[in-house]
Amino acid sequence: MRKARILLSASVILLAALGIARLRADQAKEAAAGKAAEAWLRLVDQHEYGKSWEEAGAFFKGAVARGQWEKQISSVRVPLGALQSRKQATASYTKQLPGAPDGEYVVIQYQTSFENKTGAIETVTPMLEKDGQWRVVGYFVR
């Protein structure tokens, strides 16, 4: 009976350690994806829409042509006015998203204020590309 308790305790400790290791790995991915998202957002904030398309991930580029992206993002962002503040609210690592191929994603939400819209929520989704770089494949603002 004592051996069984020791084995059970050891199993629980091992599972907890594995859970902590996975959590740390996910947090590292979330941090790396966050840096990529922020660099990409700076391009959008500076109205460098063509450059933001160039820096986006393959899935993004396959979904929208550069000219179409420039027109769409301009029609969304210009009326909002200049960025006033942006603070990351959440980041969530996942391997599956609706309507997207399986892969490694981080869905990041920011609480954002613009000159003409306070209380906006931006959702930016970087994906880990085959070359090991995180690149944005989704952007929404509401």
N, C-alpha and C. Protein backbone atom coordinates (compact mmCIF):
# COMPACT_ATOMS: atom_id res chain seq x y z
N MET A 1 0.82 -1.18 0.00
CA MET A 1 0.00 0.00 0.00
C MET A 1 0.87 1.26 0.00
N ARG A 2 1.93 1.23 0.78
CA ARG A 2 2.84 2.38 0.87
C ARG A 2 3.53 2.61 -0.48
N LYS A 3 3.93 1.52 -1.16
CA LYS A 3 4.57 1.64 -2.48
C LYS A 3 3.61 2.27 -3.48
N ALA A 4 2.37 1.87 -3.42
CA ALA A 4 1.37 2.41 -4.33
C ALA A 4 1.20 3.91 -4.12
N ARG A 5 1.19 4.34 -2.85
CA ARG A 5 1.09 5.78 -2.57
C ARG A 5 2.31 6.53 -3.05
N ILE A 6 3.46 5.96 -2.90
CA ILE A 6 4.70 6.59 -3.36
C ILE A 6 4.67 6.72 -4.88
N LEU A 7 4.27 5.64 -5.54
CA LEU A 7 4.19 5.69 -7.01
C LEU A 7 3.14 6.71 -7.46
N LEU A 8 2.01 6.75 -6.80
CA LEU A 8 0.97 7.72 -7.12
C LEU A 8 1.49 9.13 -6.91
N SER A 9 2.16 9.36 -5.81
CA SER A 9 2.73 10.69 -5.53
C SER A 9 3.76 11.07 -6.57
N ALA A 10 4.60 10.13 -6.93
CA ALA A 10 5.62 10.39 -7.96
C ALA A 10 4.96 10.71 -9.29
N SER A 11 3.90 10.00 -9.62
CA SER A 11 3.18 10.26 -10.87
C SER A 11 2.57 11.65 -10.88
N VAL A 12 1.98 12.03 -9.76
CA VAL A 12 1.37 13.36 -9.66
C VAL A 12 2.44 14.44 -9.81
N ILE A 13 3.57 14.25 -9.17
CA ILE A 13 4.67 15.22 -9.27
C ILE A 13 5.17 15.31 -10.70
N LEU A 14 5.33 14.18 -11.37
CA LEU A 14 5.79 14.15 -12.75
C LEU A 14 4.80 14.86 -13.66
N LEU A 15 3.52 14.57 -13.50
CA LEU A 15 2.50 15.24 -14.32
C LEU A 15 2.48 16.74 -14.07
N ALA A 16 2.65 17.15 -12.84
CA ALA A 16 2.69 18.57 -12.52
C ALA A 16 3.91 19.23 -13.17
N ALA A 17 5.05 18.56 -13.12
CA ALA A 17 6.27 19.09 -13.74
C ALA A 17 6.10 19.21 -15.24
N LEU A 18 5.48 18.21 -15.86
CA LEU A 18 5.24 18.26 -17.30
C LEU A 18 4.28 19.40 -17.65
N GLY A 19 3.27 19.59 -16.82
CA GLY A 19 2.33 20.68 -17.04
C GLY A 19 3.00 22.04 -16.93
N ILE A 20 3.88 22.20 -15.96
CA ILE A 20 4.61 23.45 -15.79
C ILE A 20 5.54 23.68 -16.99
N ALA A 21 6.20 22.63 -17.45
CA ALA A 21 7.09 22.76 -18.60
C ALA A 21 6.30 23.17 -19.85
N ARG A 22 5.14 22.57 -20.05
CA ARG A 22 4.32 22.93 -21.20
C ARG A 22 3.83 24.36 -21.09
N LEU A 23 3.43 24.77 -19.90
CA LEU A 23 2.99 26.14 -19.68
C LEU A 23 4.11 27.13 -19.99
N ARG A 24 5.32 26.83 -19.54
CA ARG A 24 6.46 27.71 -19.82
C ARG A 24 6.76 27.76 -21.31
N ALA A 25 6.66 26.62 -22.00
CA ALA A 25 6.90 26.59 -23.44
C ALA A 25 5.85 27.44 -24.16
N ASP A 26 4.58 27.31 -23.74
CA ASP A 26 3.52 28.11 -24.35
C ASP A 26 3.74 29.59 -24.09
N GLN A 27 4.18 29.94 -22.88
CA GLN A 27 4.43 31.34 -22.55
C GLN A 27 5.58 31.91 -23.39
N ALA A 28 6.60 31.10 -23.65
CA ALA A 28 7.71 31.55 -24.49
C ALA A 28 7.23 31.80 -25.91
N LYS A 29 6.37 30.93 -26.40
CA LYS A 29 5.81 31.10 -27.75
C LYS A 29 4.93 32.35 -27.79
N GLU A 30 4.13 32.55 -26.75
CA GLU A 30 3.28 33.73 -26.69
C GLU A 30 4.10 35.01 -26.68
N ALA A 31 5.22 35.00 -25.98
CA ALA A 31 6.09 36.19 -25.93
C ALA A 31 6.72 36.46 -27.29
N ALA A 32 7.22 35.43 -27.95
CA ALA A 32 7.85 35.60 -29.27
C ALA A 32 6.82 36.07 -30.30
N ALA A 33 5.63 35.47 -30.26
CA ALA A 33 4.56 35.88 -31.17
C ALA A 33 4.14 37.32 -30.89
N GLY A 34 4.13 37.70 -29.61
CA GLY A 34 3.78 39.06 -29.23
C GLY A 34 4.74 40.09 -29.80
N LYS A 35 6.01 39.77 -29.79
CA LYS A 35 7.00 40.69 -30.37
C LYS A 35 6.76 40.86 -31.87
N ALA A 36 6.47 39.76 -32.54
CA ALA A 36 6.20 39.82 -33.98
C ALA A 36 4.93 40.63 -34.25
N ALA A 37 3.91 40.42 -33.44
CA ALA A 37 2.65 41.16 -33.61
C ALA A 37 2.87 42.66 -33.41
N GLU A 38 3.64 43.02 -32.41
CA GLU A 38 3.86 44.44 -32.14
C GLU A 38 4.66 45.11 -33.25
N ALA A 39 5.64 44.41 -33.80
CA ALA A 39 6.41 44.96 -34.91
C ALA A 39 5.50 45.16 -36.12
N TRP A 40 4.63 44.20 -36.36
CA TRP A 40 3.70 44.28 -37.49
C TRP A 40 2.70 45.42 -37.28
N LEU A 41 2.20 45.55 -36.06
CA LEU A 41 1.26 46.62 -35.75
C LEU A 41 1.88 48.00 -35.95
N ARG A 42 3.17 48.13 -35.66
CA ARG A 42 3.84 49.41 -35.87
C ARG A 42 3.77 49.81 -37.34
N LEU A 43 3.91 48.83 -38.23
CA LEU A 43 3.79 49.13 -39.67
C LEU A 43 2.39 49.65 -40.00
N VAL A 44 1.38 48.98 -39.45
CA VAL A 44 0.00 49.40 -39.69
C VAL A 44 -0.24 50.78 -39.09
N ASP A 45 0.26 51.02 -37.89
CA ASP A 45 0.10 52.32 -37.23
C ASP A 45 0.73 53.44 -38.05
N GLN A 46 1.79 53.13 -38.76
CA GLN A 46 2.50 54.13 -39.57
C GLN A 46 1.96 54.19 -41.00
N HIS A 47 0.84 53.53 -41.23
CA HIS A 47 0.18 53.49 -42.54
C HIS A 47 1.06 52.85 -43.62
N GLU A 48 1.96 51.99 -43.22
CA GLU A 48 2.80 51.24 -44.16
C GLU A 48 2.09 49.92 -44.47
N TYR A 49 0.94 50.05 -45.12
CA TYR A 49 0.08 48.89 -45.34
C TYR A 49 0.69 47.88 -46.29
N GLY A 50 1.35 48.35 -47.34
CA GLY A 50 2.02 47.42 -48.26
C GLY A 50 3.12 46.65 -47.56
N LYS A 51 3.88 47.32 -46.72
CA LYS A 51 4.95 46.67 -45.96
C LYS A 51 4.35 45.67 -44.96
N SER A 52 3.21 46.00 -44.37
CA SER A 52 2.58 45.07 -43.43
C SER A 52 2.15 43.80 -44.16
N TRP A 53 1.69 43.93 -45.41
CA TRP A 53 1.34 42.75 -46.20
C TRP A 53 2.59 41.92 -46.49
N GLU A 54 3.67 42.59 -46.84
CA GLU A 54 4.93 41.89 -47.13
C GLU A 54 5.43 41.11 -45.91
N GLU A 55 5.25 41.66 -44.71
CA GLU A 55 5.73 41.05 -43.48
C GLU A 55 4.76 40.02 -42.91
N ALA A 56 3.58 39.91 -43.50
CA ALA A 56 2.58 38.97 -43.00
C ALA A 56 2.94 37.54 -43.39
N GLY A 57 2.25 36.58 -42.81
CA GLY A 57 2.48 35.18 -43.07
C GLY A 57 1.90 34.72 -44.40
N ALA A 58 2.33 33.54 -44.82
CA ALA A 58 1.91 32.97 -46.10
C ALA A 58 0.40 32.77 -46.15
N PHE A 59 -0.20 32.32 -45.07
CA PHE A 59 -1.65 32.10 -45.05
C PHE A 59 -2.39 33.41 -45.29
N PHE A 60 -1.93 34.48 -44.70
CA PHE A 60 -2.50 35.82 -44.87
C PHE A 60 -2.39 36.25 -46.33
N LYS A 61 -1.19 36.13 -46.90
CA LYS A 61 -0.96 36.55 -48.28
C LYS A 61 -1.77 35.73 -49.27
N GLY A 62 -1.99 34.47 -48.93
CA GLY A 62 -2.80 33.62 -49.80
C GLY A 62 -4.28 33.97 -49.74
N ALA A 63 -4.69 34.61 -48.67
CA ALA A 63 -6.10 34.95 -48.48
C ALA A 63 -6.48 36.31 -49.06
N VAL A 64 -5.51 37.22 -49.14
CA VAL A 64 -5.81 38.57 -49.60
C VAL A 64 -4.63 39.12 -50.41
N ALA A 65 -4.93 39.66 -51.58
CA ALA A 65 -3.89 40.27 -52.42
C ALA A 65 -3.41 41.57 -51.78
N ARG A 66 -2.20 41.95 -52.12
CA ARG A 66 -1.62 43.15 -51.51
C ARG A 66 -2.49 44.39 -51.72
N GLY A 67 -2.91 44.65 -52.94
CA GLY A 67 -3.73 45.83 -53.22
C GLY A 67 -5.05 45.81 -52.48
N GLN A 68 -5.65 44.63 -52.40
CA GLN A 68 -6.91 44.47 -51.69
C GLN A 68 -6.70 44.75 -50.20
N TRP A 69 -5.59 44.24 -49.63
CA TRP A 69 -5.27 44.49 -48.22
C TRP A 69 -5.09 45.98 -47.97
N GLU A 70 -4.33 46.64 -48.82
CA GLU A 70 -4.07 48.06 -48.63
C GLU A 70 -5.37 48.86 -48.61
N LYS A 71 -6.28 48.50 -49.51
CA LYS A 71 -7.57 49.19 -49.58
C LYS A 71 -8.42 48.89 -48.33
N GLN A 72 -8.49 47.62 -47.95
CA GLN A 72 -9.31 47.24 -46.80
C GLN A 72 -8.79 47.84 -45.49
N ILE A 73 -7.51 47.73 -45.25
CA ILE A 73 -6.97 48.21 -43.97
C ILE A 73 -7.02 49.73 -43.89
N SER A 74 -6.82 50.38 -45.02
CA SER A 74 -6.91 51.83 -45.05
C SER A 74 -8.33 52.29 -44.70
N SER A 75 -9.33 51.59 -45.24
CA SER A 75 -10.72 51.98 -44.98
C SER A 75 -11.11 51.74 -43.52
N VAL A 76 -10.40 50.84 -42.85
CA VAL A 76 -10.69 50.55 -41.44
C VAL A 76 -9.89 51.48 -40.53
N ARG A 77 -8.61 51.61 -40.79
CA ARG A 77 -7.73 52.31 -39.84
C ARG A 77 -7.75 53.83 -39.96
N VAL A 78 -7.80 54.36 -41.16
CA VAL A 78 -7.75 55.82 -41.31
C VAL A 78 -8.86 56.52 -40.53
N PRO A 79 -10.12 56.06 -40.60
CA PRO A 79 -11.16 56.74 -39.83
C PRO A 79 -10.96 56.68 -38.31
N LEU A 80 -10.21 55.70 -37.83
CA LEU A 80 -9.99 55.60 -36.39
C LEU A 80 -9.07 56.70 -35.87
N GLY A 81 -8.24 57.25 -36.74
CA GLY A 81 -7.30 58.28 -36.32
C GLY A 81 -6.04 57.66 -35.73
N ALA A 82 -5.22 58.50 -35.20
CA ALA A 82 -3.92 58.08 -34.68
C ALA A 82 -4.07 57.18 -33.44
N LEU A 83 -3.14 56.29 -33.29
CA LEU A 83 -3.08 55.44 -32.12
C LEU A 83 -2.79 56.30 -30.89
N GLN A 84 -3.57 56.10 -29.84
CA GLN A 84 -3.34 56.80 -28.58
C GLN A 84 -2.67 55.89 -27.56
N SER A 85 -3.16 54.64 -27.47
CA SER A 85 -2.56 53.68 -26.55
C SER A 85 -2.96 52.27 -26.97
N ARG A 86 -2.12 51.33 -26.55
CA ARG A 86 -2.39 49.92 -26.84
C ARG A 86 -1.76 49.11 -25.71
N LYS A 87 -2.57 48.23 -25.15
CA LYS A 87 -2.08 47.37 -24.07
C LYS A 87 -2.55 45.95 -24.33
N GLN A 88 -1.62 45.01 -24.27
CA GLN A 88 -1.99 43.62 -24.47
C GLN A 88 -2.89 43.17 -23.33
N ALA A 89 -4.01 42.57 -23.68
CA ALA A 89 -4.95 42.08 -22.68
C ALA A 89 -4.83 40.57 -22.50
N THR A 90 -4.73 39.85 -23.61
CA THR A 90 -4.64 38.39 -23.55
C THR A 90 -3.73 37.87 -24.65
N ALA A 91 -3.22 36.67 -24.43
CA ALA A 91 -2.47 35.93 -25.45
C ALA A 91 -2.73 34.46 -25.19
N SER A 92 -3.09 33.75 -26.24
CA SER A 92 -3.45 32.35 -26.07
C SER A 92 -2.85 31.51 -27.19
N TYR A 93 -2.00 30.57 -26.81
CA TYR A 93 -1.37 29.66 -27.76
C TYR A 93 -2.35 28.54 -28.12
N THR A 94 -2.42 28.21 -29.41
CA THR A 94 -3.28 27.13 -29.87
C THR A 94 -2.71 26.50 -31.13
N LYS A 95 -3.13 25.31 -31.42
CA LYS A 95 -2.69 24.62 -32.64
C LYS A 95 -3.80 24.53 -33.68
N GLN A 96 -4.99 25.00 -33.33
CA GLN A 96 -6.12 24.95 -34.26
C GLN A 96 -6.93 26.22 -34.17
N LEU A 97 -7.34 26.71 -35.35
CA LEU A 97 -8.24 27.85 -35.44
C LEU A 97 -9.29 27.54 -36.50
N PRO A 98 -10.51 27.99 -36.29
CA PRO A 98 -11.54 27.76 -37.30
C PRO A 98 -11.16 28.38 -38.64
N GLY A 99 -11.30 27.62 -39.71
CA GLY A 99 -11.03 28.13 -41.04
C GLY A 99 -9.56 28.26 -41.40
N ALA A 100 -8.69 27.76 -40.56
CA ALA A 100 -7.24 27.86 -40.82
C ALA A 100 -6.62 26.47 -40.71
N PRO A 101 -5.51 26.27 -41.41
CA PRO A 101 -4.85 24.97 -41.30
C PRO A 101 -4.27 24.77 -39.91
N ASP A 102 -4.12 23.52 -39.50
CA ASP A 102 -3.47 23.25 -38.22
C ASP A 102 -2.07 23.83 -38.24
N GLY A 103 -1.63 24.32 -37.14
CA GLY A 103 -0.31 24.92 -37.02
C GLY A 103 -0.14 25.45 -35.61
N GLU A 104 0.80 26.34 -35.44
CA GLU A 104 1.02 26.97 -34.13
C GLU A 104 0.65 28.45 -34.25
N TYR A 105 -0.32 28.83 -33.45
CA TYR A 105 -0.85 30.19 -33.47
C TYR A 105 -0.84 30.77 -32.06
N VAL A 106 -0.81 32.09 -32.00
CA VAL A 106 -1.07 32.79 -30.75
C VAL A 106 -2.09 33.88 -31.07
N VAL A 107 -3.23 33.81 -30.41
CA VAL A 107 -4.28 34.81 -30.58
C VAL A 107 -4.07 35.86 -29.49
N ILE A 108 -3.79 37.07 -29.93
CA ILE A 108 -3.46 38.16 -29.01
C ILE A 108 -4.53 39.24 -29.12
N GLN A 109 -5.04 39.68 -27.98
CA GLN A 109 -5.98 40.79 -27.98
C GLN A 109 -5.36 41.98 -27.24
N TYR A 110 -5.59 43.14 -27.81
CA TYR A 110 -5.10 44.39 -27.24
C TYR A 110 -6.28 45.31 -26.94
N GLN A 111 -6.20 46.00 -25.82
CA GLN A 111 -7.12 47.08 -25.52
C GLN A 111 -6.47 48.32 -26.11
N THR A 112 -7.16 48.93 -27.08
CA THR A 112 -6.55 50.00 -27.85
C THR A 112 -7.45 51.22 -27.86
N SER A 113 -6.81 52.38 -27.82
CA SER A 113 -7.51 53.64 -27.99
C SER A 113 -6.92 54.37 -29.19
N PHE A 114 -7.82 54.82 -30.04
CA PHE A 114 -7.43 55.62 -31.19
C PHE A 114 -7.99 57.02 -31.00
N GLU A 115 -7.49 57.92 -31.79
CA GLU A 115 -7.94 59.31 -31.72
C GLU A 115 -9.47 59.43 -31.82
N ASN A 116 -10.07 58.64 -32.70
CA ASN A 116 -11.51 58.74 -32.94
C ASN A 116 -12.30 57.55 -32.41
N LYS A 117 -11.65 56.65 -31.68
CA LYS A 117 -12.36 55.50 -31.11
C LYS A 117 -11.59 55.00 -29.90
N THR A 118 -12.17 55.25 -28.74
CA THR A 118 -11.58 54.71 -27.53
C THR A 118 -12.24 53.36 -27.26
N GLY A 119 -11.58 52.53 -26.54
CA GLY A 119 -12.16 51.24 -26.18
C GLY A 119 -12.22 50.23 -27.30
N ALA A 120 -11.34 50.34 -28.26
CA ALA A 120 -11.30 49.35 -29.34
C ALA A 120 -10.59 48.09 -28.85
N ILE A 121 -10.90 46.99 -29.49
CA ILE A 121 -10.19 45.74 -29.23
C ILE A 121 -9.60 45.27 -30.55
N GLU A 122 -8.28 45.14 -30.56
CA GLU A 122 -7.59 44.61 -31.73
C GLU A 122 -7.23 43.16 -31.44
N THR A 123 -7.47 42.31 -32.41
CA THR A 123 -7.08 40.91 -32.31
C THR A 123 -6.07 40.64 -33.42
N VAL A 124 -4.89 40.21 -33.02
CA VAL A 124 -3.80 39.92 -33.95
C VAL A 124 -3.41 38.46 -33.75
N THR A 125 -3.28 37.73 -34.85
CA THR A 125 -2.95 36.31 -34.76
C THR A 125 -1.69 36.00 -35.55
N PRO A 126 -0.57 35.86 -34.87
CA PRO A 126 0.65 35.38 -35.54
C PRO A 126 0.63 33.85 -35.62
N MET A 127 1.30 33.34 -36.65
CA MET A 127 1.46 31.90 -36.85
C MET A 127 2.94 31.61 -36.98
N LEU A 128 3.37 30.49 -36.43
CA LEU A 128 4.76 30.08 -36.57
C LEU A 128 4.95 29.49 -37.96
N GLU A 129 5.78 30.15 -38.77
CA GLU A 129 6.01 29.73 -40.15
C GLU A 129 7.07 28.62 -40.20
N LYS A 130 7.19 28.00 -41.35
CA LYS A 130 8.14 26.90 -41.53
C LYS A 130 9.59 27.31 -41.28
N ASP A 131 9.88 28.60 -41.48
CA ASP A 131 11.25 29.08 -41.25
C ASP A 131 11.53 29.41 -39.78
N GLY A 132 10.55 29.13 -38.92
CA GLY A 132 10.73 29.37 -37.49
C GLY A 132 10.38 30.78 -37.04
N GLN A 133 9.86 31.61 -37.94
CA GLN A 133 9.50 32.99 -37.61
C GLN A 133 8.00 33.10 -37.39
N TRP A 134 7.62 33.90 -36.40
CA TRP A 134 6.22 34.21 -36.18
C TRP A 134 5.83 35.34 -37.11
N ARG A 135 4.73 35.14 -37.86
CA ARG A 135 4.23 36.18 -38.76
C ARG A 135 2.72 36.28 -38.62
N VAL A 136 2.22 37.49 -38.76
CA VAL A 136 0.79 37.75 -38.58
C VAL A 136 0.01 37.13 -39.75
N VAL A 137 -1.06 36.42 -39.39
CA VAL A 137 -1.96 35.84 -40.39
C VAL A 137 -3.40 36.29 -40.19
N GLY A 138 -3.64 37.10 -39.17
CA GLY A 138 -4.99 37.60 -38.95
C GLY A 138 -4.97 38.90 -38.17
N TYR A 139 -5.89 39.82 -38.55
CA TYR A 139 -6.01 41.10 -37.85
C TYR A 139 -7.46 41.54 -37.91
N PHE A 140 -8.02 41.90 -36.76
CA PHE A 140 -9.37 42.42 -36.66
C PHE A 140 -9.38 43.52 -35.64
N VAL A 141 -10.19 44.53 -35.89
CA VAL A 141 -10.36 45.60 -34.91
C VAL A 141 -11.85 45.85 -34.76
N ARG A 142 -12.30 45.96 -33.52
CA ARG A 142 -13.70 46.29 -33.26
C ARG A 142 -13.79 47.23 -32.08
